[in-house]
């Protein structure tokens, strides 16, 4: 996977929403956990998102819609809201065939909260993938799992959906595959990932914005601890898998200092990372709606800086991004990583 694939193209600066499937009015609730999250079955007829529909340079696949990790800067929250709006109406909750049917998000929950507490599970995704994946249509482009919501979020322990998708991909050969996750749960699938790496060109990215535990907890309410992610990265590389660190998003004034970034590069090197890739914060509509209120609440001293830098734009400005890339290039050279993000 290339760094450029992680950035919005010029023609899609507005951060296009992911394509949605028309779904029935009633969705069965599969389970409710002790954290208060509900897992809801989402029927789908297709699971692959093409570059033409997303504006990105790769194909994508997301087993879940919604995520319990609660990252304030997540751009995918609007997708969850759109999906729920299409799948529900204003009727009350009923019961059909012994299964509770959810007709609408809990009345007391905002769409922001629903993203973290009502996780839509594409339970039939592996079977749909087997029926619909045509390697010729990918035309050599990468297929990335986990671009919008984490494929190894807590729901995966229960539903094994990502594992089943990886098993389905074992039926094919010669694809370019990527996996992006914040979760050490990815190491559960070392066996399948090893087999996939023998059949395909595979890249596994462990996403981590900072090694500062206290800071990360303010930015990502329930994501795995930094040391757990670095340990997972080390397990992947020791198993001979092509894994590395994705430093994203890089937040101006919070995670972009020499010291903070150098700590991540050093941790990646010690863990045997094959690469370090990065992505500066993009403030599209969904990310803006979540991150800016948190900034005002947790880091009010930075509000004016963000207003100057971003204004109504997605990016922080070419001067900032060029300076950041020079810093990252120097760190790559210092820690022995390729100056470009290509393999």
Protein backbone atom coordinates (compact mmCIF):
# COMPACT_ATOMS: atom_id res chain seq x y z
CA UNK A 1 0.00 0.00 0.00
CA UNK A 2 1.25 3.48 -0.81
CA UNK A 3 0.97 6.61 1.27
CA UNK A 4 -0.72 8.38 -1.59
CA UNK A 5 -3.57 5.91 -1.34
CA UNK A 6 -4.29 7.13 2.16
CA UNK A 7 -4.88 10.71 1.04
CA UNK A 8 -7.93 12.19 -0.55
CA UNK A 9 -7.40 13.01 -4.20
CA UNK A 10 -7.94 16.54 -5.46
CA UNK A 11 -11.21 15.58 -7.10
CA UNK A 12 -12.54 14.11 -3.85
CA UNK A 13 -11.50 16.72 -1.31
CA UNK A 14 -14.99 16.70 0.15
CA UNK A 15 -14.41 13.16 1.42
CA UNK A 16 -17.00 11.20 -0.48
CA UNK A 17 -19.18 8.89 1.56
CA UNK A 18 -18.86 5.17 1.11
CA UNK A 19 -21.46 3.55 -1.15
CA UNK A 20 -24.43 2.10 0.67
CA UNK A 21 -26.69 -0.83 0.01
CA UNK A 22 -30.48 -0.56 0.21
CA UNK A 23 -31.51 -2.66 3.19
CA UNK A 24 -34.77 -3.79 4.77
CA UNK A 25 -36.61 -1.53 7.21
CA UNK A 26 -35.97 -3.87 10.13
CA UNK A 27 -32.55 -5.06 11.24
CA UNK A 28 -32.11 -7.93 13.73
CA UNK A 29 -30.13 -7.26 16.88
CA UNK A 30 -27.57 -10.04 17.19
CA UNK A 31 -26.27 -9.26 20.65
CA UNK A 32 -25.81 -6.56 23.32
CA UNK A 33 -22.65 -6.49 25.40
CA UNK A 34 -21.88 -5.26 28.90
CA UNK A 35 -20.39 -2.02 27.53
CA UNK A 36 -23.81 -1.12 26.18
CA UNK A 37 -22.99 -1.72 22.52
CA UNK A 38 -25.55 -3.42 20.30
CA UNK A 39 -24.50 -5.54 17.34
CA UNK A 40 -26.96 -5.39 14.47
CA UNK A 41 -27.06 -7.60 11.39
CA UNK A 42 -26.71 -5.63 8.16
CA UNK A 43 -27.58 -7.57 5.00
CA UNK A 44 -25.48 -6.70 1.96
CA UNK A 45 -25.45 -7.61 -1.73
CA UNK A 46 -21.89 -6.36 -2.25
CA UNK A 47 -19.00 -5.58 0.05
CA UNK A 48 -16.31 -4.06 -2.18
CA UNK A 49 -16.01 -0.31 -2.65
CA UNK A 50 -14.32 0.66 -5.91
CA UNK A 51 -11.96 3.60 -6.43
CA UNK A 52 -14.60 5.16 -8.67
CA UNK A 53 -17.14 5.30 -5.83
CA UNK A 54 -14.80 6.42 -3.03
CA UNK A 55 -12.40 8.67 -4.93
CA UNK A 56 -9.46 6.74 -3.48
CA UNK A 57 -6.74 4.91 -5.39
CA UNK A 58 -7.62 1.48 -4.04
CA UNK A 59 -10.52 -0.89 -3.46
CA UNK A 60 -11.79 -1.14 0.11
CA UNK A 61 -13.70 -3.56 2.28
CA UNK A 62 -15.10 -2.82 5.75
CA UNK A 63 -16.65 -5.75 7.65
CA UNK A 64 -18.35 -3.47 10.20
CA UNK A 65 -20.12 -0.11 10.10
CA UNK A 66 -19.48 1.75 13.36
CA UNK A 67 -16.66 1.20 15.83
CA UNK A 68 -16.37 1.03 19.61
CA UNK A 69 -12.89 2.58 19.68
CA UNK A 70 -14.40 6.08 19.67
CA UNK A 71 -11.69 8.02 17.81
CA UNK A 72 -12.60 11.71 17.83
CA UNK A 73 -11.13 12.38 14.38
CA UNK A 74 -12.84 9.48 12.59
CA UNK A 75 -14.19 10.41 9.16
CA UNK A 76 -16.53 7.41 8.88
CA UNK A 77 -19.20 8.41 11.40
CA UNK A 78 -21.41 9.92 8.72
CA UNK A 79 -21.44 6.61 6.85
CA UNK A 80 -22.99 4.96 9.90
CA UNK A 81 -25.65 7.66 10.09
CA UNK A 82 -26.49 7.29 6.40
CA UNK A 83 -26.71 3.53 6.71
CA UNK A 84 -29.05 3.73 9.69
CA UNK A 85 -31.24 6.30 7.96
CA UNK A 86 -31.65 4.02 4.97
CA UNK A 87 -32.23 0.95 7.09
CA UNK A 88 -34.74 2.39 9.53
CA UNK A 89 -37.88 4.48 9.79
CA UNK A 90 -39.76 6.19 12.58
CA UNK A 91 -41.61 3.07 13.75
CA UNK A 92 -41.14 1.56 17.18
CA UNK A 93 -39.13 -1.52 18.02
CA UNK A 94 -40.96 -4.76 17.25
CA UNK A 95 -40.18 -8.44 17.50
CA UNK A 96 -40.19 -10.91 14.60
CA UNK A 97 -39.28 -14.57 14.61
CA UNK A 98 -37.91 -14.42 18.15
CA UNK A 99 -35.32 -11.75 17.25
CA UNK A 100 -35.50 -8.17 18.39
CA UNK A 101 -35.79 -5.86 15.40
CA UNK A 102 -34.21 -2.43 15.61
CA UNK A 103 -36.16 0.14 13.61
CA UNK A 104 -34.25 3.21 14.70
CA UNK A 105 -31.29 4.17 16.82
CA UNK A 106 -32.07 4.53 20.49
CA UNK A 107 -33.99 7.77 20.88
CA UNK A 108 -31.54 9.16 23.42
CA UNK A 109 -28.50 8.56 21.21
CA UNK A 110 -27.12 11.09 18.78
CA UNK A 111 -25.70 9.78 15.50
CA UNK A 112 -22.25 10.42 17.01
CA UNK A 113 -23.01 8.10 19.93
CA UNK A 114 -24.73 5.53 17.73
CA UNK A 115 -21.52 5.09 15.71
CA UNK A 116 -19.80 3.79 18.85
CA UNK A 117 -22.72 1.88 20.37
CA UNK A 118 -24.67 0.38 17.46
CA UNK A 119 -22.24 -1.70 15.43
CA UNK A 120 -23.59 -2.95 12.11
CA UNK A 121 -22.26 -6.40 11.25
CA UNK A 122 -22.07 -7.51 7.61
CA UNK A 123 -22.51 -11.10 8.66
CA UNK A 124 -22.74 -12.58 5.14
CA UNK A 125 -19.79 -10.55 3.80
CA UNK A 126 -17.46 -13.56 3.24
CA UNK A 127 -20.03 -15.39 1.14
CA UNK A 128 -20.84 -12.21 -0.79
CA UNK A 129 -17.13 -11.61 -1.39
CA UNK A 130 -16.68 -15.09 -2.82
CA UNK A 131 -19.59 -14.52 -5.21
CA UNK A 132 -18.66 -11.02 -6.34
CA UNK A 133 -14.86 -10.66 -6.28
CA UNK A 134 -13.45 -10.62 -9.81
CA UNK A 135 -9.65 -10.17 -9.66
CA UNK A 136 -9.66 -8.87 -13.23
CA UNK A 137 -11.81 -5.90 -12.17
CA UNK A 138 -9.26 -4.90 -9.55
CA UNK A 139 -6.78 -4.42 -12.41
CA UNK A 140 -3.81 -4.67 -10.07
CA UNK A 141 -5.15 -2.07 -7.61
CA UNK A 142 -4.86 -2.83 -3.91
CA UNK A 143 -7.76 -4.16 -1.87
CA UNK A 144 -7.57 -2.74 1.65
CA UNK A 145 -9.51 -4.08 4.64
CA UNK A 146 -10.24 -1.55 7.38
CA UNK A 147 -10.16 1.84 5.69
CA UNK A 148 -13.27 3.24 7.41
CA UNK A 149 -13.80 1.18 10.55
CA UNK A 150 -11.43 -1.15 12.34
CA UNK A 151 -11.71 -4.77 11.17
CA UNK A 152 -10.33 -5.99 14.51
CA UNK A 153 -12.50 -3.91 16.82
CA UNK A 154 -14.06 -5.72 19.83
CA UNK A 155 -16.96 -7.05 17.73
CA UNK A 156 -14.49 -9.23 15.83
CA UNK A 157 -13.86 -11.38 18.91
CA UNK A 158 -17.50 -12.40 18.83
CA UNK A 159 -18.32 -12.53 15.11
CA UNK A 160 -15.01 -13.60 13.50
CA UNK A 161 -16.08 -11.70 10.40
CA UNK A 162 -12.64 -10.40 9.42
CA UNK A 163 -11.13 -13.85 9.90
CA UNK A 164 -13.79 -15.35 7.64
CA UNK A 165 -13.09 -12.72 4.99
CA UNK A 166 -9.37 -13.52 5.11
CA UNK A 167 -10.22 -17.22 4.74
CA UNK A 168 -12.32 -16.36 1.69
CA UNK A 169 -9.37 -14.51 0.15
CA UNK A 170 -7.31 -17.70 0.41
CA UNK A 171 -9.38 -18.95 -2.54
CA UNK A 172 -7.67 -16.40 -4.79
CA UNK A 173 -4.09 -15.78 -5.91
CA UNK A 174 -1.96 -12.81 -6.91
CA UNK A 175 -3.92 -9.97 -5.34
CA UNK A 176 -2.51 -6.91 -3.61
CA UNK A 177 -4.01 -6.90 -0.12
CA UNK A 178 -3.74 -4.45 2.77
CA UNK A 179 -5.00 -4.60 6.34
CA UNK A 180 -5.18 -1.54 8.61
CA UNK A 181 -5.96 -1.87 12.32
CA UNK A 182 -5.32 -0.37 15.75
CA UNK A 183 -5.94 -3.69 17.47
CA UNK A 184 -3.52 -6.38 18.69
CA UNK A 185 -6.32 -8.85 17.93
CA UNK A 186 -4.82 -9.04 14.44
CA UNK A 187 -2.20 -11.43 15.82
CA UNK A 188 -4.95 -14.00 16.42
CA UNK A 189 -4.95 -14.54 12.66
CA UNK A 190 -1.21 -15.10 12.21
CA UNK A 191 -1.92 -18.46 10.63
CA UNK A 192 -4.21 -17.12 7.92
CA UNK A 193 -2.13 -13.97 7.34
CA UNK A 194 0.95 -16.13 6.81
CA UNK A 195 -0.86 -18.21 4.20
CA UNK A 196 -2.22 -15.07 2.54
CA UNK A 197 1.29 -13.62 2.28
CA UNK A 198 2.30 -16.72 0.32
CA UNK A 199 -0.56 -16.27 -2.17
CA UNK A 200 -0.78 -12.50 -2.40
CA UNK A 201 1.21 -9.29 -1.99
CA UNK A 202 0.23 -8.45 1.58
CA UNK A 203 0.78 -5.37 3.74
CA UNK A 204 -0.35 -5.03 7.39
CA UNK A 205 -0.40 -1.57 8.94
CA UNK A 206 -0.68 -1.06 12.70
CA UNK A 207 -2.17 2.40 13.16
CA UNK A 208 -0.84 4.51 16.03
CA UNK A 209 -0.89 8.29 16.41
CA UNK A 210 1.12 8.61 19.62
CA UNK A 211 2.95 6.68 22.32
CA UNK A 212 1.59 9.08 24.95
CA UNK A 213 -1.04 6.97 26.74
CA UNK A 214 -2.76 9.89 28.48
CA UNK A 215 -2.98 11.92 25.28
CA UNK A 216 -4.22 9.00 23.25
CA UNK A 217 -6.97 8.27 25.74
CA UNK A 218 -8.28 11.80 25.28
CA UNK A 219 -8.25 11.42 21.51
CA UNK A 220 -9.37 7.79 21.20
CA UNK A 221 -11.66 6.90 24.07
CA UNK A 222 -11.43 3.10 23.95
CA UNK A 223 -8.66 2.18 21.52
CA UNK A 224 -5.95 -0.35 22.50
CA UNK A 225 -2.96 0.96 24.46
CA UNK A 226 0.13 1.99 22.47
CA UNK A 227 2.39 -0.68 23.97
CA UNK A 228 -0.12 -3.39 23.01
CA UNK A 229 -0.09 -2.22 19.39
CA UNK A 230 3.71 -2.11 19.24
CA UNK A 231 3.85 -5.60 20.74
CA UNK A 232 1.41 -6.79 18.07
CA UNK A 233 3.60 -5.24 15.38
CA UNK A 234 6.60 -7.12 16.75
CA UNK A 235 4.71 -10.42 16.73
CA UNK A 236 3.73 -9.87 13.11
CA UNK A 237 7.26 -9.06 11.96
CA UNK A 238 8.79 -11.92 13.94
CA UNK A 239 6.40 -14.21 12.08
CA UNK A 240 7.92 -12.93 8.85
CA UNK A 241 4.89 -10.89 7.82
CA UNK A 242 5.22 -7.58 5.92
CA UNK A 243 3.98 -5.31 8.69
CA UNK A 244 4.72 -1.73 9.64
CA UNK A 245 3.50 1.32 11.48
CA UNK A 246 0.92 3.78 10.19
CA UNK A 247 1.43 7.09 12.03
CA UNK A 248 -1.96 8.64 11.46
CA UNK A 249 -3.50 11.01 11.84
CA UNK A 250 -0.68 13.40 12.67
CA UNK A 251 -2.34 16.19 14.66
CA UNK A 252 -0.87 19.70 14.53
CA UNK A 253 0.32 20.83 17.95
CA UNK A 254 -0.48 17.47 19.55
CA UNK A 255 1.43 14.64 17.90
CA UNK A 256 3.65 16.32 15.29
CA UNK A 257 6.69 17.31 17.36
CA UNK A 258 10.18 15.92 16.64
CA UNK A 259 10.18 14.14 20.00
CA UNK A 260 6.75 12.54 19.58
CA UNK A 261 7.37 11.38 16.03
CA UNK A 262 10.89 10.16 16.77
CA UNK A 263 9.51 8.02 19.61
CA UNK A 264 7.15 6.32 17.16
CA UNK A 265 9.89 5.72 14.60
CA UNK A 266 12.16 4.27 17.26
CA UNK A 267 9.42 1.96 18.53
CA UNK A 268 8.73 0.84 14.97
CA UNK A 269 12.40 0.08 14.34
CA UNK A 270 12.71 -1.93 17.56
CA UNK A 271 9.60 -3.90 16.61
CA UNK A 272 11.12 -4.83 13.26
CA UNK A 273 8.71 -2.78 11.16
CA UNK A 274 9.18 -3.06 7.41
CA UNK A 275 7.94 0.49 6.90
CA UNK A 276 6.55 3.59 8.56
CA UNK A 277 3.76 5.38 6.71
CA UNK A 278 1.97 8.52 7.75
CA UNK A 279 -1.11 10.63 7.19
CA UNK A 280 -1.71 14.19 8.41
CA UNK A 281 -5.10 15.06 9.88
CA UNK A 282 -7.80 15.74 7.31
CA UNK A 283 -10.82 17.65 8.56
CA UNK A 284 -13.66 16.60 6.33
CA UNK A 285 -17.22 17.22 7.51
CA UNK A 286 -17.50 14.15 9.75
CA UNK A 287 -14.04 14.50 11.29
CA UNK A 288 -14.61 18.21 11.84
CA UNK A 289 -17.90 17.59 13.66
CA UNK A 290 -16.20 15.21 16.09
CA UNK A 291 -12.71 16.54 16.53
CA UNK A 292 -13.26 20.30 16.83
CA UNK A 293 -15.63 20.07 19.84
CA UNK A 294 -13.08 17.80 21.55
CA UNK A 295 -10.36 20.33 20.75
CA UNK A 296 -12.37 23.12 22.37
CA UNK A 297 -12.99 20.99 25.44
CA UNK A 298 -9.61 19.32 25.91
CA UNK A 299 -7.11 21.62 24.17
CA UNK A 300 -8.62 25.14 24.05
CA UNK A 301 -5.19 26.70 23.58
CA UNK A 302 -5.03 25.13 20.12
CA UNK A 303 -8.44 26.23 18.83
CA UNK A 304 -7.22 29.48 17.26
CA UNK A 305 -4.34 27.66 15.57
CA UNK A 306 -6.67 25.13 14.00
CA UNK A 307 -9.04 27.87 12.88
CA UNK A 308 -6.16 29.60 11.11
CA UNK A 309 -4.74 26.42 9.67
CA UNK A 310 -7.88 24.63 8.53
CA UNK A 311 -10.59 27.26 8.31
CA UNK A 312 -13.14 25.56 6.10
CA UNK A 313 -10.54 23.37 4.39
CA UNK A 314 -9.81 19.66 4.64
CA UNK A 315 -6.04 20.18 4.83
CA UNK A 316 -3.83 22.24 7.15
CA UNK A 317 -2.13 24.04 4.28
CA UNK A 318 0.69 23.23 1.86
CA UNK A 319 3.33 25.01 3.94
CA UNK A 320 2.50 22.92 7.01
CA UNK A 321 2.31 19.65 5.09
CA UNK A 322 5.59 20.30 3.27
CA UNK A 323 7.33 21.09 6.56
CA UNK A 324 5.85 17.95 8.11
CA UNK A 325 7.00 15.81 5.20
CA UNK A 326 10.55 17.19 5.52
CA UNK A 327 10.50 16.23 9.20
CA UNK A 328 9.21 12.75 8.42
CA UNK A 329 11.78 12.26 5.67
CA UNK A 330 14.58 13.17 8.09
CA UNK A 331 13.22 10.72 10.65
CA UNK A 332 12.94 7.93 8.08
CA UNK A 333 16.55 8.45 7.14
CA UNK A 334 17.67 8.62 10.77
CA UNK A 335 15.91 5.39 11.72
CA UNK A 336 16.70 3.44 8.56
CA UNK A 337 13.34 3.42 6.80
CA UNK A 338 12.80 4.09 3.12
CA UNK A 339 12.35 7.78 2.39
CA UNK A 340 9.29 6.98 0.28
CA UNK A 341 6.37 4.97 1.62
CA UNK A 342 6.49 2.40 -1.18
CA UNK A 343 7.59 -1.11 -0.40
